PDB file of all heavy atoms in Angstrom:
ATOM      1  N   PHE A   1       0.865  -1.181   0.000  1.00  0.00           N
ATOM      2  CA  PHE A   1       0.000   0.000   0.000  1.00  0.00           C
ATOM      3  C   PHE A   1       0.896   1.224   0.000  1.00  0.00           C
ATOM      4  O   PHE A   1       1.685   1.420   0.928  1.00  0.00           O
ATOM      5  CB  PHE A   1      -0.899   0.010   1.233  1.00  0.00           C
ATOM      6  CG  PHE A   1      -1.813   1.203   1.326  1.00  0.00           C
ATOM      7  CD1 PHE A   1      -2.668   1.533   0.283  1.00  0.00           C
ATOM      8  CD2 PHE A   1      -1.811   2.005   2.458  1.00  0.00           C
ATOM      9  CE1 PHE A   1      -3.508   2.633   0.357  1.00  0.00           C
ATOM     10  CE2 PHE A   1      -2.645   3.103   2.558  1.00  0.00           C
ATOM     11  CZ  PHE A   1      -3.504   3.423   1.503  1.00  0.00           C
ATOM     12  N   PHE A   2       0.801   2.018  -1.068  1.00  0.00           N
ATOM     13  CA  PHE A   2       1.623   3.227  -1.122  1.00  0.00           C
ATOM     14  C   PHE A   2       0.963   4.281  -1.985  1.00  0.00           C
ATOM     15  O   PHE A   2       0.041   4.013  -2.761  1.00  0.00           O
ATOM     16  CB  PHE A   2       3.043   2.916  -1.633  1.00  0.00           C
ATOM     17  CG  PHE A   2       3.140   2.516  -3.085  1.00  0.00           C
ATOM     18  CD1 PHE A   2       3.182   3.469  -4.099  1.00  0.00           C
ATOM     19  CD2 PHE A   2       3.218   1.185  -3.437  1.00  0.00           C
ATOM     20  CE1 PHE A   2       3.287   3.094  -5.434  1.00  0.00           C
ATOM     21  CE2 PHE A   2       3.329   0.798  -4.771  1.00  0.00           C
ATOM     22  CZ  PHE A   2       3.363   1.754  -5.772  1.00  0.00           C
ATOM     23  N   PHE A   3       1.454   5.500  -1.831  1.00  0.00           N
ATOM     24  CA  PHE A   3       1.054   6.625  -2.665  1.00  0.00           C
ATOM     25  C   PHE A   3       2.274   7.155  -3.402  1.00  0.00           C
ATOM     26  O   PHE A   3       3.338   7.319  -2.801  1.00  0.00           O
ATOM     27  CB  PHE A   3       0.447   7.753  -1.823  1.00  0.00           C
ATOM     28  CG  PHE A   3      -0.874   7.398  -1.194  1.00  0.00           C
ATOM     29  CD1 PHE A   3      -0.928   6.871   0.091  1.00  0.00           C
ATOM     30  CD2 PHE A   3      -2.059   7.590  -1.872  1.00  0.00           C
ATOM     31  CE1 PHE A   3      -2.132   6.546   0.688  1.00  0.00           C
ATOM     32  CE2 PHE A   3      -3.270   7.268  -1.298  1.00  0.00           C
ATOM     33  CZ  PHE A   3      -3.311   6.747  -0.016  1.00  0.00           C
ATOM     34  N   ASN A   4       2.108   7.422  -4.679  1.00  0.00           N
ATOM     35  CA  ASN A   4       3.142   8.083  -5.467  1.00  0.00           C
ATOM     36  C   ASN A   4       2.750   9.549  -5.593  1.00  0.00           C
ATOM     37  O   ASN A   4       1.799   9.894  -6.300  1.00  0.00           O
ATOM     38  CB  ASN A   4       3.275   7.436  -6.848  1.00  0.00           C
ATOM     39  CG  ASN A   4       4.445   7.988  -7.637  1.00  0.00           C
ATOM     40  OD1 ASN A   4       4.799   9.171  -7.518  1.00  0.00           O
ATOM     41  ND2 ASN A   4       5.066   7.152  -8.451  1.00  0.00           N
ATOM     42  N   VAL A   5       3.480  10.394  -4.873  1.00  0.00           N
ATOM     43  CA  VAL A   5       3.152  11.819  -4.840  1.00  0.00           C
ATOM     44  C   VAL A   5       3.304  12.440  -6.219  1.00  0.00           C
ATOM     45  O   VAL A   5       2.508  13.282  -6.642  1.00  0.00           O
ATOM     46  CB  VAL A   5       4.037  12.550  -3.810  1.00  0.00           C
ATOM     47  CG1 VAL A   5       3.709  14.029  -3.764  1.00  0.00           C
ATOM     48  CG2 VAL A   5       3.866  11.926  -2.423  1.00  0.00           C
ATOM     49  N   ALA A   6       4.319  12.006  -6.954  1.00  0.00           N
ATOM     50  CA  ALA A   6       4.604  12.598  -8.261  1.00  0.00           C
ATOM     51  C   ALA A   6       3.506  12.315  -9.283  1.00  0.00           C
ATOM     52  O   ALA A   6       3.114  13.184 -10.052  1.00  0.00           O
ATOM     53  CB  ALA A   6       5.948  12.103  -8.778  1.00  0.00           C
ATOM     54  N   SER A   7       2.997  11.085  -9.276  1.00  0.00           N
ATOM     55  CA  SER A   7       1.981  10.712 -10.267  1.00  0.00           C
ATOM     56  C   SER A   7       0.558  10.832  -9.743  1.00  0.00           C
ATOM     57  O   SER A   7      -0.394  10.590 -10.488  1.00  0.00           O
ATOM     58  CB  SER A   7       2.218   9.271 -10.737  1.00  0.00           C
ATOM     59  OG  SER A   7       2.048   8.362  -9.661  1.00  0.00           O
ATOM     60  N   ASP A   8       0.411  11.195  -8.456  1.00  0.00           N
ATOM     61  CA  ASP A   8      -0.907  11.348  -7.850  1.00  0.00           C
ATOM     62  C   ASP A   8      -1.701  10.045  -7.936  1.00  0.00           C
ATOM     63  O   ASP A   8      -2.863  10.018  -8.337  1.00  0.00           O
ATOM     64  CB  ASP A   8      -1.672  12.493  -8.528  1.00  0.00           C
ATOM     65  CG  ASP A   8      -2.920  12.919  -7.757  1.00  0.00           C
ATOM     66  OD1 ASP A   8      -2.964  12.712  -6.526  1.00  0.00           O
ATOM     67  OD2 ASP A   8      -3.858  13.430  -8.387  1.00  0.00           O
ATOM     68  N   THR A   9      -1.055   8.954  -7.551  1.00  0.00           N
ATOM     69  CA  THR A   9      -1.651   7.627  -7.676  1.00  0.00           C
ATOM     70  C   THR A   9      -1.478   6.842  -6.382  1.00  0.00           C
ATOM     71  O   THR A   9      -0.429   6.901  -5.743  1.00  0.00           O
ATOM     72  CB  THR A   9      -0.985   6.844  -8.830  1.00  0.00           C
ATOM     73  OG1 THR A   9      -1.178   7.563 -10.048  1.00  0.00           O
ATOM     74  CG2 THR A   9      -1.573   5.447  -8.966  1.00  0.00           C
ATOM     75  N   GLY A  10      -2.510   6.106  -6.013  1.00  0.00           N
ATOM     76  CA  GLY A  10      -2.425   5.169  -4.907  1.00  0.00           C
ATOM     77  C   GLY A  10      -2.410   3.743  -5.432  1.00  0.00           C
ATOM     78  O   GLY A  10      -3.067   3.440  -6.439  1.00  0.00           O
ATOM     79  N   VAL A  11      -1.674   2.876  -4.774  1.00  0.00           N
ATOM     80  CA  VAL A  11      -1.584   1.470  -5.171  1.00  0.00           C
ATOM     81  C   VAL A  11      -1.824   0.592  -3.949  1.00  0.00           C
ATOM     82  O   VAL A  11      -1.230   0.830  -2.882  1.00  0.00           O
ATOM     83  CB  VAL A  11      -0.208   1.143  -5.800  1.00  0.00           C
ATOM     84  CG1 VAL A  11      -0.079  -0.356  -6.066  1.00  0.00           C
ATOM     85  CG2 VAL A  11      -0.002   1.934  -7.086  1.00  0.00           C
ATOM     86  N   LEU A  12      -2.690  -0.404  -4.111  1.00  0.00           N
ATOM     87  CA  LEU A  12      -2.983  -1.350  -3.032  1.00  0.00           C
ATOM     88  C   LEU A  12      -2.961  -2.762  -3.606  1.00  0.00           C
ATOM     89  O   LEU A  12      -3.590  -3.019  -4.640  1.00  0.00           O
ATOM     90  CB  LEU A  12      -4.334  -1.048  -2.402  1.00  0.00           C
ATOM     91  CG  LEU A  12      -4.726  -1.820  -1.133  1.00  0.00           C
ATOM     92  CD1 LEU A  12      -5.663  -0.975  -0.268  1.00  0.00           C
ATOM     93  CD2 LEU A  12      -5.412  -3.144  -1.465  1.00  0.00           C
ATOM     94  N   THR A  13      -2.230  -3.661  -2.951  1.00  0.00           N
ATOM     95  CA  THR A  13      -2.150  -5.046  -3.391  1.00  0.00           C
ATOM     96  C   THR A  13      -2.673  -5.977  -2.312  1.00  0.00           C
ATOM     97  O   THR A  13      -2.357  -5.812  -1.131  1.00  0.00           O
ATOM     98  CB  THR A  13      -0.705  -5.438  -3.755  1.00  0.00           C
ATOM     99  OG1 THR A  13      -0.267  -4.642  -4.856  1.00  0.00           O
ATOM    100  CG2 THR A  13      -0.608  -6.903  -4.142  1.00  0.00           C
ATOM    101  N   LEU A  14      -3.485  -6.941  -2.727  1.00  0.00           N
ATOM    102  CA  LEU A  14      -3.972  -8.000  -1.853  1.00  0.00           C
ATOM    103  C   LEU A  14      -3.367  -9.316  -2.293  1.00  0.00           C
ATOM    104  O   LEU A  14      -3.416  -9.666  -3.480  1.00  0.00           O
ATOM    105  CB  LEU A  14      -5.501  -8.110  -1.926  1.00  0.00           C
ATOM    106  CG  LEU A  14      -6.335  -6.887  -1.541  1.00  0.00           C
ATOM    107  CD1 LEU A  14      -7.805  -7.153  -1.857  1.00  0.00           C
ATOM    108  CD2 LEU A  14      -6.157  -6.554  -0.070  1.00  0.00           C
ATOM    109  N   ASP A  15      -2.805 -10.064  -1.358  1.00  0.00           N
ATOM    110  CA  ASP A  15      -2.375 -11.423  -1.613  1.00  0.00           C
ATOM    111  C   ASP A  15      -3.455 -12.374  -1.112  1.00  0.00           C
ATOM    112  O   ASP A  15      -3.891 -12.266   0.051  1.00  0.00           O
ATOM    113  CB  ASP A  15      -1.056 -11.726  -0.904  1.00  0.00           C
ATOM    114  CG  ASP A  15       0.144 -11.249  -1.699  1.00  0.00           C
ATOM    115  OD1 ASP A  15      -0.044 -10.501  -2.682  1.00  0.00           O
ATOM    116  OD2 ASP A  15       1.278 -11.614  -1.336  1.00  0.00           O
ATOM    117  N   CYS A  16      -3.874 -13.302  -1.970  1.00  0.00           N
ATOM    118  CA  CYS A  16      -4.956 -14.223  -1.624  1.00  0.00           C
ATOM    119  C   CYS A  16      -4.462 -15.667  -1.775  1.00  0.00           C
ATOM    120  O   CYS A  16      -4.467 -16.223  -2.889  1.00  0.00           O
ATOM    121  CB  CYS A  16      -6.166 -13.988  -2.520  1.00  0.00           C
ATOM    122  SG  CYS A  16      -6.912 -12.345  -2.320  1.00  0.00           S
ATOM    123  N   PRO A  17      -4.017 -16.283  -0.684  1.00  0.00           N
ATOM    124  CA  PRO A  17      -3.535 -17.668  -0.756  1.00  0.00           C
ATOM    125  C   PRO A  17      -4.678 -18.677  -0.729  1.00  0.00           C
ATOM    126  O   PRO A  17      -5.694 -18.466  -0.076  1.00  0.00           O
ATOM    127  CB  PRO A  17      -2.667 -17.789   0.505  1.00  0.00           C
ATOM    128  CG  PRO A  17      -3.279 -16.812   1.466  1.00  0.00           C
ATOM    129  CD  PRO A  17      -3.836 -15.678   0.638  1.00  0.00           C
ATOM    130  N   ASP A  18      -4.491 -19.750  -1.466  1.00  0.00           N
ATOM    131  CA  ASP A  18      -5.364 -20.926  -1.403  1.00  0.00           C
ATOM    132  C   ASP A  18      -6.824 -20.606  -1.714  1.00  0.00           C
ATOM    133  O   ASP A  18      -7.740 -21.161  -1.084  1.00  0.00           O
ATOM    134  CB  ASP A  18      -5.248 -21.575  -0.019  1.00  0.00           C
ATOM    135  CG  ASP A  18      -5.747 -23.011  -0.021  1.00  0.00           C
ATOM    136  OD1 ASP A  18      -5.629 -23.684  -1.062  1.00  0.00           O
ATOM    137  OD2 ASP A  18      -6.261 -23.470   1.027  1.00  0.00           O
ATOM    138  N   LEU A  19      -7.060 -19.747  -2.712  1.00  0.00           N
ATOM    139  CA  LEU A  19      -8.437 -19.509  -3.139  1.00  0.00           C
ATOM    140  C   LEU A  19      -8.991 -20.772  -3.794  1.00  0.00           C
ATOM    141  O   LEU A  19      -8.308 -21.461  -4.559  1.00  0.00           O
ATOM    142  CB  LEU A  19      -8.502 -18.347  -4.128  1.00  0.00           C
ATOM    143  CG  LEU A  19      -8.452 -16.933  -3.557  1.00  0.00           C
ATOM    144  CD1 LEU A  19      -8.428 -15.905  -4.674  1.00  0.00           C
ATOM    145  CD2 LEU A  19      -9.638 -16.672  -2.634  1.00  0.00           C
ATOM    146  N   ASP A  20     -10.253 -21.045  -3.497  1.00  0.00           N
ATOM    147  CA  ASP A  20     -10.891 -22.296  -3.930  1.00  0.00           C
ATOM    148  C   ASP A  20     -12.215 -21.951  -4.607  1.00  0.00           C
ATOM    149  O   ASP A  20     -13.072 -21.311  -4.002  1.00  0.00           O
ATOM    150  CB  ASP A  20     -11.111 -23.171  -2.686  1.00  0.00           C
ATOM    151  CG  ASP A  20     -11.653 -24.548  -3.006  1.00  0.00           C
ATOM    152  OD1 ASP A  20     -12.399 -24.698  -3.990  1.00  0.00           O
ATOM    153  OD2 ASP A  20     -11.347 -25.482  -2.249  1.00  0.00           O
ATOM    154  N   PHE A  21     -12.370 -22.363  -5.865  1.00  0.00           N
ATOM    155  CA  PHE A  21     -13.586 -22.091  -6.633  1.00  0.00           C
ATOM    156  C   PHE A  21     -14.224 -23.411  -7.050  1.00  0.00           C
ATOM    157  O   PHE A  21     -13.547 -24.310  -7.558  1.00  0.00           O
ATOM    158  CB  PHE A  21     -13.266 -21.281  -7.896  1.00  0.00           C
ATOM    159  CG  PHE A  21     -12.668 -19.933  -7.629  1.00  0.00           C
ATOM    160  CD1 PHE A  21     -11.305 -19.795  -7.437  1.00  0.00           C
ATOM    161  CD2 PHE A  21     -13.463 -18.801  -7.577  1.00  0.00           C
ATOM    162  CE1 PHE A  21     -10.743 -18.557  -7.185  1.00  0.00           C
ATOM    163  CE2 PHE A  21     -12.914 -17.553  -7.329  1.00  0.00           C
ATOM    164  CZ  PHE A  21     -11.550 -17.437  -7.132  1.00  0.00           C
ATOM    165  N   GLU A  22     -15.537 -23.499  -6.863  1.00  0.00           N
ATOM    166  CA  GLU A  22     -16.265 -24.710  -7.257  1.00  0.00           C
ATOM    167  C   GLU A  22     -17.602 -24.307  -7.858  1.00  0.00           C
ATOM    168  O   GLU A  22     -18.319 -23.464  -7.299  1.00  0.00           O
ATOM    169  CB  GLU A  22     -16.477 -25.620  -6.055  1.00  0.00           C
ATOM    170  CG  GLU A  22     -17.161 -26.929  -6.393  1.00  0.00           C
ATOM    171  CD  GLU A  22     -17.253 -27.871  -5.208  1.00  0.00           C
ATOM    172  OE1 GLU A  22     -16.900 -27.452  -4.076  1.00  0.00           O
ATOM    173  OE2 GLU A  22     -17.681 -29.023  -5.402  1.00  0.00           O
ATOM    174  N   SER A  23     -17.946 -24.903  -8.997  1.00  0.00           N
ATOM    175  CA  SER A  23     -19.206 -24.541  -9.646  1.00  0.00           C
ATOM    176  C   SER A  23     -19.646 -25.632 -10.623  1.00  0.00           C
ATOM    177  O   SER A  23     -18.879 -26.530 -10.977  1.00  0.00           O
ATOM    178  CB  SER A  23     -19.057 -23.220 -10.421  1.00  0.00           C
ATOM    179  OG  SER A  23     -18.279 -23.428 -11.599  1.00  0.00           O
ATOM    180  N   THR A  24     -20.903 -25.508 -11.046  1.00  0.00           N
ATOM    181  CA  THR A  24     -21.379 -26.217 -12.228  1.00  0.00           C
ATOM    182  C   THR A  24     -21.253 -25.229 -13.378  1.00  0.00           C
ATOM    183  O   THR A  24     -21.914 -24.189 -13.386  1.00  0.00           O
ATOM    184  CB  THR A  24     -22.840 -26.671 -12.060  1.00  0.00           C
ATOM    185  OG1 THR A  24     -22.927 -27.527 -10.914  1.00  0.00           O
ATOM    186  CG2 THR A  24     -23.321 -27.403 -13.297  1.00  0.00           C
ATOM    187  N   ARG A  25     -20.408 -25.529 -14.326  1.00  0.00           N
ATOM    188  CA  ARG A  25     -19.990 -24.542 -15.324  1.00  0.00           C
ATOM    189  C   ARG A  25     -20.618 -24.812 -16.687  1.00  0.00           C
ATOM    190  O   ARG A  25     -20.644 -25.953 -17.162  1.00  0.00           O
ATOM    191  CB  ARG A  25     -18.466 -24.526 -15.437  1.00  0.00           C
ATOM    192  CG  ARG A  25     -17.906 -23.546 -16.443  1.00  0.00           C
ATOM    193  CD  ARG A  25     -16.395 -23.465 -16.337  1.00  0.00           C
ATOM    194  NE  ARG A  25     -15.985 -22.754 -15.118  1.00  0.00           N
ATOM    195  CZ  ARG A  25     -14.723 -22.588 -14.744  1.00  0.00           C
ATOM    196  NH1 ARG A  25     -13.746 -23.100 -15.483  1.00  0.00           N
ATOM    197  NH2 ARG A  25     -14.435 -21.919 -13.642  1.00  0.00           N
ATOM    198  N   THR A  26     -21.092 -23.731 -17.288  1.00  0.00           N
ATOM    199  CA  THR A  26     -21.575 -23.772 -18.667  1.00  0.00           C
ATOM    200  C   THR A  26     -20.531 -23.118 -19.562  1.00  0.00           C
ATOM    201  O   THR A  26     -20.109 -21.993 -19.296  1.00  0.00           O
ATOM    202  CB  THR A  26     -22.911 -23.039 -18.806  1.00  0.00           C
ATOM    203  OG1 THR A  26     -23.884 -23.663 -17.959  1.00  0.00           O
ATOM    204  CG2 THR A  26     -23.407 -23.064 -20.250  1.00  0.00           C
ATOM    205  N   LEU A  27     -20.123 -23.814 -20.589  1.00  0.00           N
ATOM    206  CA  LEU A  27     -19.159 -23.297 -21.562  1.00  0.00           C
ATOM    207  C   LEU A  27     -19.902 -23.062 -22.866  1.00  0.00           C
ATOM    208  O   LEU A  27     -20.555 -23.969 -23.388  1.00  0.00           O
ATOM    209  CB  LEU A  27     -18.024 -24.302 -21.763  1.00  0.00           C
ATOM    210  CG  LEU A  27     -16.807 -23.918 -22.617  1.00  0.00           C
ATOM    211  CD1 LEU A  27     -15.687 -24.942 -22.394  1.00  0.00           C
ATOM    212  CD2 LEU A  27     -17.106 -23.846 -24.111  1.00  0.00           C
ATOM    213  N   ILE A  28     -19.801 -21.831 -23.406  1.00  0.00           N
ATOM    214  CA  ILE A  28     -20.438 -21.492 -24.676  1.00  0.00           C
ATOM    215  C   ILE A  28     -19.328 -21.204 -25.689  1.00  0.00           C
ATOM    216  O   ILE A  28     -18.587 -20.228 -25.540  1.00  0.00           O
ATOM    217  CB  ILE A  28     -21.362 -20.274 -24.526  1.00  0.00           C
ATOM    218  CG1 ILE A  28     -22.385 -20.528 -23.418  1.00  0.00           C
ATOM    219  CG2 ILE A  28     -22.068 -19.968 -25.848  1.00  0.00           C
ATOM    220  CD1 ILE A  28     -23.176 -19.312 -23.005  1.00  0.00           C
ATOM    221  N   GLN A  29     -19.212 -22.057 -26.689  1.00  0.00           N
ATOM    222  CA  GLN A  29     -18.160 -21.921 -27.688  1.00  0.00           C
ATOM    223  C   GLN A  29     -18.695 -21.152 -28.901  1.00  0.00           C
ATOM    224  O   GLN A  29     -19.732 -21.500 -29.460  1.00  0.00           O
ATOM    225  CB  GLN A  29     -17.673 -23.299 -28.134  1.00  0.00           C
ATOM    226  CG  GLN A  29     -16.464 -23.272 -29.035  1.00  0.00           C
ATOM    227  CD  GLN A  29     -15.221 -22.761 -28.310  1.00  0.00           C
ATOM    228  OE1 GLN A  29     -14.868 -23.264 -27.250  1.00  0.00           O
ATOM    229  NE2 GLN A  29     -14.572 -21.744 -28.867  1.00  0.00           N
ATOM    230  N   HIS A  30     -17.955 -20.096 -29.287  1.00  0.00           N
ATOM    231  CA  HIS A  30     -18.369 -19.253 -30.406  1.00  0.00           C
ATOM    232  C   HIS A  30     -17.539 -19.576 -31.647  1.00  0.00           C
ATOM    233  O   HIS A  30     -16.333 -19.849 -31.550  1.00  0.00           O
ATOM    234  CB  HIS A  30     -18.186 -17.772 -30.055  1.00  0.00           C
ATOM    235  CG  HIS A  30     -18.755 -17.393 -28.724  1.00  0.00           C
ATOM    236  ND1 HIS A  30     -20.102 -17.412 -28.454  1.00  0.00           N
ATOM    237  CD2 HIS A  30     -18.154 -16.985 -27.569  1.00  0.00           C
ATOM    238  CE1 HIS A  30     -20.318 -17.022 -27.198  1.00  0.00           C
ATOM    239  NE2 HIS A  30     -19.147 -16.766 -26.643  1.00  0.00           N
TER     240      HIS A  30
END
């Protein structure tokens, strides 16, 4: 998490360990 004074920008990073996704998935092929 930091601010760059020169570019007037804020930056925030989140680290997310061991994310788990489960679903019944529909795939539509074009």
